[in-house]
Amino acid sequence: MYDLSGKLSQKDSRQAGGLPYEFRALEAVLISVTTGLEGEFEGVSEPVVRVLRELEEDIDRDKLRHLLIYSKKLGTFEQKARLVRDAIDDLLEADDDLVTMYLTERANGKTREEDDHTEVEMLLESYHKVCDEIVQVSGNLVSNIRNTEEIVKAILDANRNSLMLLDLKFSIGTLGIGSGAFIASLYGMNLKNFIEESDLGFIGVTGWSFL
C-alpha cells in the first residue's frame, strides 16, 4: 500500500531536485488510481482466464453462464480504465491547464510560457502509459471472450444441425415403414385385384414397398 501521507509530507524536495508539493500530490493520486486499477484487473481477469481454459476442454452450461457474468464485470472495468486514460490524455492535450498546474511558482509570482510544462507532462505521460497498458490488456481479454463465444456458438449450431439431420433421417425411415405397412394393409383386406393371379405379383409389390 502506497504511503500517501509520507509522500506528501516530504520537505525540501524542491531544493533536492525533486518535485514541488502539487506534483507530489498529483503523483500520489495517480499512483493510488493506477494501483487500484491493477488490483481490480487481477481480481476480474483471473476467473475469466480460468473459465476460458475450462471451455477449451469442455463446453458446459454453467461455465457459459459464469463467463457471461465475468464478461460483464470485465466490460465495466475496461470502461473505467478507458475513462481514466482518456482523462489523462485530455489533460496532456491542454497546454494551458498544464501550465496552471505549477501552483508553487504561481504563488511565488513566477509565470511560465504556455508550452513550458515538461515536468508535469512527463509525469502524466508515465501514468498514461500505465493506464493505456491496462486498457490494452483488458481489451485483449474482452476480444478473447468474444472469440470464444463465437466458437461456442458455431459448435452449438453444428450440434443442432446434426440433431436436425438425425431427426430427418428418423422421419424418412418412419415414413418408409409406414408406406410399406399401408400397402400391406391394403392387400390384407382380401379383396380381389387380379394381381394375386400373377406369378410376379408378390415380388413386384414387395419390391415397390421397399422402394
C-alpha atoms as a PDB file:
ATOM      1  CA  MET A   1       0.000   0.000   0.000  1.00  0.00           C
ATOM      2  CA  TYR A   2       1.448   3.321  -1.041  1.00  0.00           C
ATOM      3  CA  ASP A   3       2.155   5.710   1.825  1.00  0.00           C
ATOM      4  CA  LEU A   4       0.214   8.733   0.617  1.00  0.00           C
ATOM      5  CA  SER A   5       0.806  10.861   3.690  1.00  0.00           C
ATOM      6  CA  GLY A   6       4.513  10.075   3.646  1.00  0.00           C
ATOM      7  CA  LYS A   7       4.758  11.176   0.027  1.00  0.00           C
ATOM      8  CA  LEU A   8       3.074  14.487   0.694  1.00  0.00           C
ATOM      9  CA  SER A   9       4.968  15.218   3.918  1.00  0.00           C
ATOM     10  CA  GLN A  10       8.371  15.283   2.245  1.00  0.00           C
ATOM     11  CA  LYS A  11      10.137  18.584   2.823  1.00  0.00           C
ATOM     12  CA  ASP A  12      12.812  20.427   0.925  1.00  0.00           C
ATOM     13  CA  SER A  13      12.224  18.193  -2.068  1.00  0.00           C
ATOM     14  CA  ARG A  14      12.428  21.148  -4.422  1.00  0.00           C
ATOM     15  CA  GLN A  15      15.859  22.096  -3.170  1.00  0.00           C
ATOM     16  CA  ALA A  16      16.992  18.477  -3.555  1.00  0.00           C
ATOM     17  CA  GLY A  17      15.868  18.433  -7.193  1.00  0.00           C
ATOM     18  CA  GLY A  18      12.526  16.736  -6.559  1.00  0.00           C
ATOM     19  CA  LEU A  19       9.004  17.726  -7.494  1.00  0.00           C
ATOM     20  CA  PRO A  20       7.060  20.531  -5.821  1.00  0.00           C
ATOM     21  CA  TYR A  21       4.215  19.732  -3.462  1.00  0.00           C
ATOM     22  CA  GLU A  22       1.419  19.946  -6.041  1.00  0.00           C
ATOM     23  CA  PHE A  23       3.170  17.480  -8.320  1.00  0.00           C
ATOM     24  CA  ARG A  24       3.847  15.092  -5.450  1.00  0.00           C
ATOM     25  CA  ALA A  25       0.145  15.276  -4.619  1.00  0.00           C
ATOM     26  CA  LEU A  26      -0.724  14.601  -8.271  1.00  0.00           C
ATOM     27  CA  GLU A  27       1.686  11.685  -8.414  1.00  0.00           C
ATOM     28  CA  ALA A  28       0.264  10.248  -5.201  1.00  0.00           C
ATOM     29  CA  VAL A  29      -3.248  10.381  -6.670  1.00  0.00           C
ATOM     30  CA  LEU A  30      -2.117   8.795  -9.933  1.00  0.00           C
ATOM     31  CA  ILE A  31      -0.304   6.023  -8.096  1.00  0.00           C
ATOM     32  CA  SER A  32      -3.384   5.362  -5.995  1.00  0.00           C
ATOM     33  CA  VAL A  33      -5.606   5.225  -9.093  1.00  0.00           C
ATOM     34  CA  THR A  34      -3.303   3.007 -11.176  1.00  0.00           C
ATOM     35  CA  THR A  35      -2.634   0.680  -8.259  1.00  0.00           C
ATOM     36  CA  GLY A  36      -6.370   0.337  -7.727  1.00  0.00           C
ATOM     37  CA  LEU A  37      -6.904  -0.417 -11.420  1.00  0.00           C
ATOM     38  CA  GLU A  38      -4.179  -3.043 -11.441  1.00  0.00           C
ATOM     39  CA  GLY A  39      -5.581  -4.745  -8.356  1.00  0.00           C
ATOM     40  CA  GLU A  40      -9.118  -4.684  -9.698  1.00  0.00           C
ATOM     41  CA  PHE A  41      -7.965  -6.063 -13.046  1.00  0.00           C
ATOM     42  CA  GLU A  42      -6.275  -9.010 -11.371  1.00  0.00           C
ATOM     43  CA  GLY A  43      -9.467  -9.792  -9.474  1.00  0.00           C
ATOM     44  CA  VAL A  44     -11.579  -9.614 -12.654  1.00  0.00           C
ATOM     45  CA  SER A  45      -9.210 -11.278 -15.118  1.00  0.00           C
ATOM     46  CA  GLU A  46      -8.276 -14.386 -13.114  1.00  0.00           C
ATOM     47  CA  PRO A  47     -11.760 -16.010 -13.146  1.00  0.00           C
ATOM     48  CA  VAL A  48     -12.209 -15.094 -16.820  1.00  0.00           C
ATOM     49  CA  VAL A  49      -8.935 -16.769 -17.807  1.00  0.00           C
ATOM     50  CA  ARG A  50      -9.833 -19.830 -15.738  1.00  0.00           C
ATOM     51  CA  VAL A  51     -13.264 -20.216 -17.375  1.00  0.00           C
ATOM     52  CA  LEU A  52     -11.793 -19.744 -20.860  1.00  0.00           C
ATOM     53  CA  ARG A  53      -9.296 -22.523 -20.218  1.00  0.00           C
ATOM     54  CA  GLU A  54     -12.036 -24.816 -18.923  1.00  0.00           C
ATOM     55  CA  LEU A  55     -14.174 -24.136 -22.005  1.00  0.00           C
ATOM     56  CA  GLU A  56     -11.306 -25.271 -24.221  1.00  0.00           C
ATOM     57  CA  GLU A  57     -11.621 -28.713 -22.645  1.00  0.00           C
ATOM     58  CA  ASP A  58     -15.390 -28.989 -22.226  1.00  0.00           C
ATOM     59  CA  ILE A  59     -18.377 -26.793 -23.080  1.00  0.00           C
ATOM     60  CA  ASP A  60     -20.693 -26.676 -20.107  1.00  0.00           C
ATOM     61  CA  ARG A  61     -23.826 -24.629 -19.484  1.00  0.00           C
ATOM     62  CA  ASP A  62     -22.688 -23.456 -16.052  1.00  0.00           C
ATOM     63  CA  LYS A  63     -19.329 -22.381 -17.456  1.00  0.00           C
ATOM     64  CA  LEU A  64     -21.037 -20.328 -20.147  1.00  0.00           C
ATOM     65  CA  ARG A  65     -23.235 -18.680 -17.525  1.00  0.00           C
ATOM     66  CA  HIS A  66     -20.183 -17.808 -15.411  1.00  0.00           C
ATOM     67  CA  LEU A  67     -18.408 -16.484 -18.492  1.00  0.00           C
ATOM     68  CA  LEU A  68     -21.343 -14.176 -19.189  1.00  0.00           C
ATOM     69  CA  ILE A  69     -21.220 -12.799 -15.635  1.00  0.00           C
ATOM     70  CA  TYR A  70     -17.454 -12.318 -15.687  1.00  0.00           C
ATOM     71  CA  SER A  71     -17.520 -10.714 -19.134  1.00  0.00           C
ATOM     72  CA  LYS A  72     -19.958  -8.054 -17.886  1.00  0.00           C
ATOM     73  CA  LYS A  73     -17.669  -7.257 -14.960  1.00  0.00           C
ATOM     74  CA  LEU A  74     -14.665  -7.099 -17.266  1.00  0.00           C
ATOM     75  CA  GLY A  75     -16.502  -4.804 -19.673  1.00  0.00           C
ATOM     76  CA  THR A  76     -17.382  -2.442 -16.832  1.00  0.00           C
ATOM     77  CA  PHE A  77     -13.771  -2.414 -15.676  1.00  0.00           C
ATOM     78  CA  GLU A  78     -12.500  -1.728 -19.191  1.00  0.00           C
ATOM     79  CA  GLN A  79     -14.773   1.302 -19.465  1.00  0.00           C
ATOM     80  CA  LYS A  80     -13.489   2.614 -16.136  1.00  0.00           C
ATOM     81  CA  ALA A  81      -9.846   2.180 -17.138  1.00  0.00           C
ATOM     82  CA  ARG A  82     -10.542   3.776 -20.515  1.00  0.00           C
ATOM     83  CA  LEU A  83     -12.120   6.807 -18.828  1.00  0.00           C
ATOM     84  CA  VAL A  84      -9.041   7.276 -16.624  1.00  0.00           C
ATOM     85  CA  ARG A  85      -6.720   7.014 -19.606  1.00  0.00           C
ATOM     86  CA  ASP A  86      -8.809   9.410 -21.691  1.00  0.00           C
ATOM     87  CA  ALA A  87      -8.918  11.913 -18.816  1.00  0.00           C
ATOM     88  CA  ILE A  88      -5.112  11.950 -18.632  1.00  0.00           C
ATOM     89  CA  ASP A  89      -4.911  12.155 -22.408  1.00  0.00           C
ATOM     90  CA  ASP A  90      -7.246  15.163 -22.496  1.00  0.00           C
ATOM     91  CA  LEU A  91      -5.147  16.862 -19.838  1.00  0.00           C
ATOM     92  CA  LEU A  92      -1.973  16.274 -21.850  1.00  0.00           C
ATOM     93  CA  GLU A  93      -3.591  17.946 -24.840  1.00  0.00           C
ATOM     94  CA  ALA A  94      -4.444  21.111 -22.851  1.00  0.00           C
ATOM     95  CA  ASP A  95      -1.273  23.235 -22.603  1.00  0.00           C
ATOM     96  CA  ASP A  96      -2.989  25.993 -20.631  1.00  0.00           C
ATOM     97  CA  ASP A  97      -4.157  23.523 -17.979  1.00  0.00           C
ATOM     98  CA  LEU A  98      -0.685  22.030 -17.685  1.00  0.00           C
ATOM     99  CA  VAL A  99       0.901  25.442 -17.131  1.00  0.00           C
ATOM    100  CA  THR A 100      -1.602  26.399 -14.447  1.00  0.00           C
ATOM    101  CA  MET A 101      -0.697  23.246 -12.501  1.00  0.00           C
ATOM    102  CA  TYR A 102       2.551  24.905 -11.333  1.00  0.00           C
ATOM    103  CA  LEU A 103       0.866  26.222  -8.188  1.00  0.00           C
ATOM    104  CA  THR A 104       4.025  26.830  -6.167  1.00  0.00           C
ATOM    105  CA  GLU A 105       5.576  29.010  -8.862  1.00  0.00           C
ATOM    106  CA  ARG A 106       2.333  30.907  -9.335  1.00  0.00           C
ATOM    107  CA  ALA A 107       2.169  31.558  -5.592  1.00  0.00           C
ATOM    108  CA  ASN A 108       5.698  32.979  -5.791  1.00  0.00           C
ATOM    109  CA  GLY A 109       4.715  35.238  -8.670  1.00  0.00           C
ATOM    110  CA  LYS A 110       6.585  33.289 -11.343  1.00  0.00           C
ATOM    111  CA  THR A 111       4.957  32.826 -14.738  1.00  0.00           C
ATOM    112  CA  ARG A 112       5.667  30.233 -17.425  1.00  0.00           C
ATOM    113  CA  GLU A 113       5.213  30.099 -21.165  1.00  0.00           C
ATOM    114  CA  GLU A 114       2.236  28.113 -22.390  1.00  0.00           C
ATOM    115  CA  ASP A 115       4.442  25.340 -23.789  1.00  0.00           C
ATOM    116  CA  ASP A 116       6.805  25.227 -20.799  1.00  0.00           C
ATOM    117  CA  HIS A 117       5.418  22.270 -18.844  1.00  0.00           C
ATOM    118  CA  THR A 118       7.936  19.463 -19.326  1.00  0.00           C
ATOM    119  CA  GLU A 119       7.935  18.236 -15.733  1.00  0.00           C
ATOM    120  CA  VAL A 120       4.205  17.730 -15.325  1.00  0.00           C
ATOM    121  CA  GLU A 121       3.897  16.433 -18.887  1.00  0.00           C
ATOM    122  CA  MET A 122       6.471  13.698 -18.266  1.00  0.00           C
ATOM    123  CA  LEU A 123       4.732  12.806 -15.011  1.00  0.00           C
ATOM    124  CA  LEU A 124       1.356  12.458 -16.679  1.00  0.00           C
ATOM    125  CA  GLU A 125       2.765  10.569 -19.661  1.00  0.00           C
ATOM    126  CA  SER A 126       4.315   7.917 -17.429  1.00  0.00           C
ATOM    127  CA  TYR A 127       0.988   7.131 -15.770  1.00  0.00           C
ATOM    128  CA  HIS A 128      -0.873   7.489 -19.053  1.00  0.00           C
ATOM    129  CA  LYS A 129       1.305   4.660 -20.340  1.00  0.00           C
ATOM    130  CA  VAL A 130       0.378   2.509 -17.335  1.00  0.00           C
ATOM    131  CA  CYS A 131      -3.348   3.150 -17.838  1.00  0.00           C
ATOM    132  CA  ASP A 132      -3.085   2.517 -21.561  1.00  0.00           C
ATOM    133  CA  GLU A 133      -1.394  -0.816 -20.926  1.00  0.00           C
ATOM    134  CA  ILE A 134      -4.209  -1.825 -18.568  1.00  0.00           C
ATOM    135  CA  VAL A 135      -6.787  -0.829 -21.193  1.00  0.00           C
ATOM    136  CA  GLN A 136      -4.986  -2.797 -23.905  1.00  0.00           C
ATOM    137  CA  VAL A 137      -4.683  -5.954 -21.799  1.00  0.00           C
ATOM    138  CA  SER A 138      -8.320  -5.811 -20.692  1.00  0.00           C
ATOM    139  CA  GLY A 139      -9.395  -5.126 -24.280  1.00  0.00           C
ATOM    140  CA  ASN A 140      -7.485  -8.198 -25.477  1.00  0.00           C
ATOM    141  CA  LEU A 141      -9.190 -10.282 -22.826  1.00  0.00           C
ATOM    142  CA  VAL A 142     -12.599  -8.981 -23.922  1.00  0.00           C
ATOM    143  CA  SER A 143     -11.708  -9.936 -27.508  1.00  0.00           C
ATOM    144  CA  ASN A 144     -10.774 -13.437 -26.342  1.00  0.00           C
ATOM    145  CA  ILE A 145     -14.163 -13.749 -24.651  1.00  0.00           C
ATOM    146  CA  ARG A 146     -15.960 -12.684 -27.827  1.00  0.00           C
ATOM    147  CA  ASN A 147     -13.923 -15.110 -29.941  1.00  0.00           C
ATOM    148  CA  THR A 148     -14.693 -17.921 -27.510  1.00  0.00           C
ATOM    149  CA  GLU A 149     -18.389 -17.068 -27.620  1.00  0.00           C
ATOM    150  CA  GLU A 150     -18.330 -17.190 -31.426  1.00  0.00           C
ATOM    151  CA  ILE A 151     -16.560 -20.568 -31.390  1.00  0.00           C
ATOM    152  CA  VAL A 152     -19.002 -21.969 -28.834  1.00  0.00           C
ATOM    153  CA  LYS A 153     -21.907 -20.652 -30.889  1.00  0.00           C
ATOM    154  CA  ALA A 154     -20.528 -22.338 -34.017  1.00  0.00           C
ATOM    155  CA  ILE A 155     -20.095 -25.640 -32.158  1.00  0.00           C
ATOM    156  CA  LEU A 156     -23.622 -25.496 -30.754  1.00  0.00           C
ATOM    157  CA  ASP A 157     -25.002 -24.681 -34.209  1.00  0.00           C
ATOM    158  CA  ALA A 158     -23.151 -27.680 -35.656  1.00  0.00           C
ATOM    159  CA  ASN A 159     -24.539 -29.952 -32.930  1.00  0.00           C
ATOM    160  CA  ARG A 160     -28.029 -28.607 -33.532  1.00  0.00           C
ATOM    161  CA  ASN A 161     -27.710 -29.244 -37.268  1.00  0.00           C
ATOM    162  CA  SER A 162     -26.553 -32.813 -36.556  1.00  0.00           C
ATOM    163  CA  LEU A 163     -29.595 -33.403 -34.372  1.00  0.00           C
ATOM    164  CA  MET A 164     -31.884 -31.955 -37.041  1.00  0.00           C
ATOM    165  CA  LEU A 165     -30.299 -34.234 -39.646  1.00  0.00           C
ATOM    166  CA  LEU A 166     -30.745 -37.257 -37.391  1.00  0.00           C
ATOM    167  CA  ASP A 167     -34.378 -36.322 -36.794  1.00  0.00           C
ATOM    168  CA  LEU A 168     -34.887 -36.008 -40.559  1.00  0.00           C
ATOM    169  CA  LYS A 169     -33.422 -39.480 -41.115  1.00  0.00           C
ATOM    170  CA  PHE A 170     -35.738 -40.939 -38.496  1.00  0.00           C
ATOM    171  CA  SER A 171     -38.695 -39.182 -40.116  1.00  0.00           C
ATOM    172  CA  ILE A 172     -37.814 -40.549 -43.549  1.00  0.00           C
ATOM    173  CA  GLY A 173     -37.377 -44.036 -42.116  1.00  0.00           C
ATOM    174  CA  THR A 174     -40.696 -43.827 -40.301  1.00  0.00           C
ATOM    175  CA  LEU A 175     -42.381 -42.640 -43.498  1.00  0.00           C
ATOM    176  CA  GLY A 176     -40.935 -45.555 -45.452  1.00  0.00           C
ATOM    177  CA  ILE A 177     -42.052 -48.093 -42.872  1.00  0.00           C
ATOM    178  CA  GLY A 178     -45.496 -46.510 -42.738  1.00  0.00           C
ATOM    179  CA  SER A 179     -45.838 -46.636 -46.524  1.00  0.00           C
ATOM    180  CA  GLY A 180     -44.945 -50.312 -46.582  1.00  0.00           C
ATOM    181  CA  ALA A 181     -47.385 -51.027 -43.796  1.00  0.00           C
ATOM    182  CA  PHE A 182     -50.084 -49.116 -45.673  1.00  0.00           C
ATOM    183  CA  ILE A 183     -49.596 -51.190 -48.795  1.00  0.00           C
ATOM    184  CA  ALA A 184     -49.597 -54.363 -46.729  1.00  0.00           C
ATOM    185  CA  SER A 185     -52.837 -53.303 -45.085  1.00  0.00           C
ATOM    186  CA  LEU A 186     -54.442 -52.788 -48.488  1.00  0.00           C
ATOM    187  CA  TYR A 187     -53.625 -56.314 -49.554  1.00  0.00           C
ATOM    188  CA  GLY A 188     -54.649 -57.637 -46.171  1.00  0.00           C
ATOM    189  CA  MET A 189     -58.300 -56.817 -46.888  1.00  0.00           C
ATOM    190  CA  ASN A 190     -58.605 -59.952 -49.045  1.00  0.00           C
ATOM    191  CA  LEU A 191     -60.245 -58.042 -51.894  1.00  0.00           C
ATOM    192  CA  LYS A 192     -59.854 -59.277 -55.439  1.00  0.00           C
ATOM    193  CA  ASN A 193     -57.476 -57.164 -57.503  1.00  0.00           C
ATOM    194  CA  PHE A 194     -56.274 -59.793 -60.024  1.00  0.00           C
ATOM    195  CA  ILE A 195     -52.627 -59.250 -59.016  1.00  0.00           C
ATOM    196  CA  GLU A 196     -52.709 -62.406 -56.911  1.00  0.00           C
ATOM    197  CA  GLU A 197     -53.171 -64.379 -60.144  1.00  0.00           C
ATOM    198  CA  SER A 198     -49.829 -63.146 -61.496  1.00  0.00           C
ATOM    199  CA  ASP A 199     -46.657 -65.121 -60.803  1.00  0.00           C
ATOM    200  CA  LEU A 200     -44.680 -61.887 -60.342  1.00  0.00           C
ATOM    201  CA  GLY A 201     -47.301 -60.018 -58.312  1.00  0.00           C
ATOM    202  CA  PHE A 202     -45.851 -60.817 -54.879  1.00  0.00           C
ATOM    203  CA  ILE A 203     -42.305 -59.958 -55.926  1.00  0.00           C
ATOM    204  CA  GLY A 204     -43.392 -56.697 -57.605  1.00  0.00           C
ATOM    205  CA  VAL A 205     -45.488 -55.461 -54.683  1.00  0.00           C
ATOM    206  CA  THR A 206     -42.779 -56.375 -52.148  1.00  0.00           C
ATOM    207  CA  GLY A 207     -40.074 -54.593 -54.152  1.00  0.00           C
ATOM    208  CA  TRP A 208     -42.229 -51.478 -54.631  1.00  0.00           C
ATOM    209  CA  SER A 209     -42.924 -51.389 -50.890  1.00  0.00           C
ATOM    210  CA  PHE A 210     -39.198 -51.365 -50.089  1.00  0.00           C
ATOM    211  CA  LEU A 211     -38.650 -48.528 -52.543  1.00  0.00           C
END
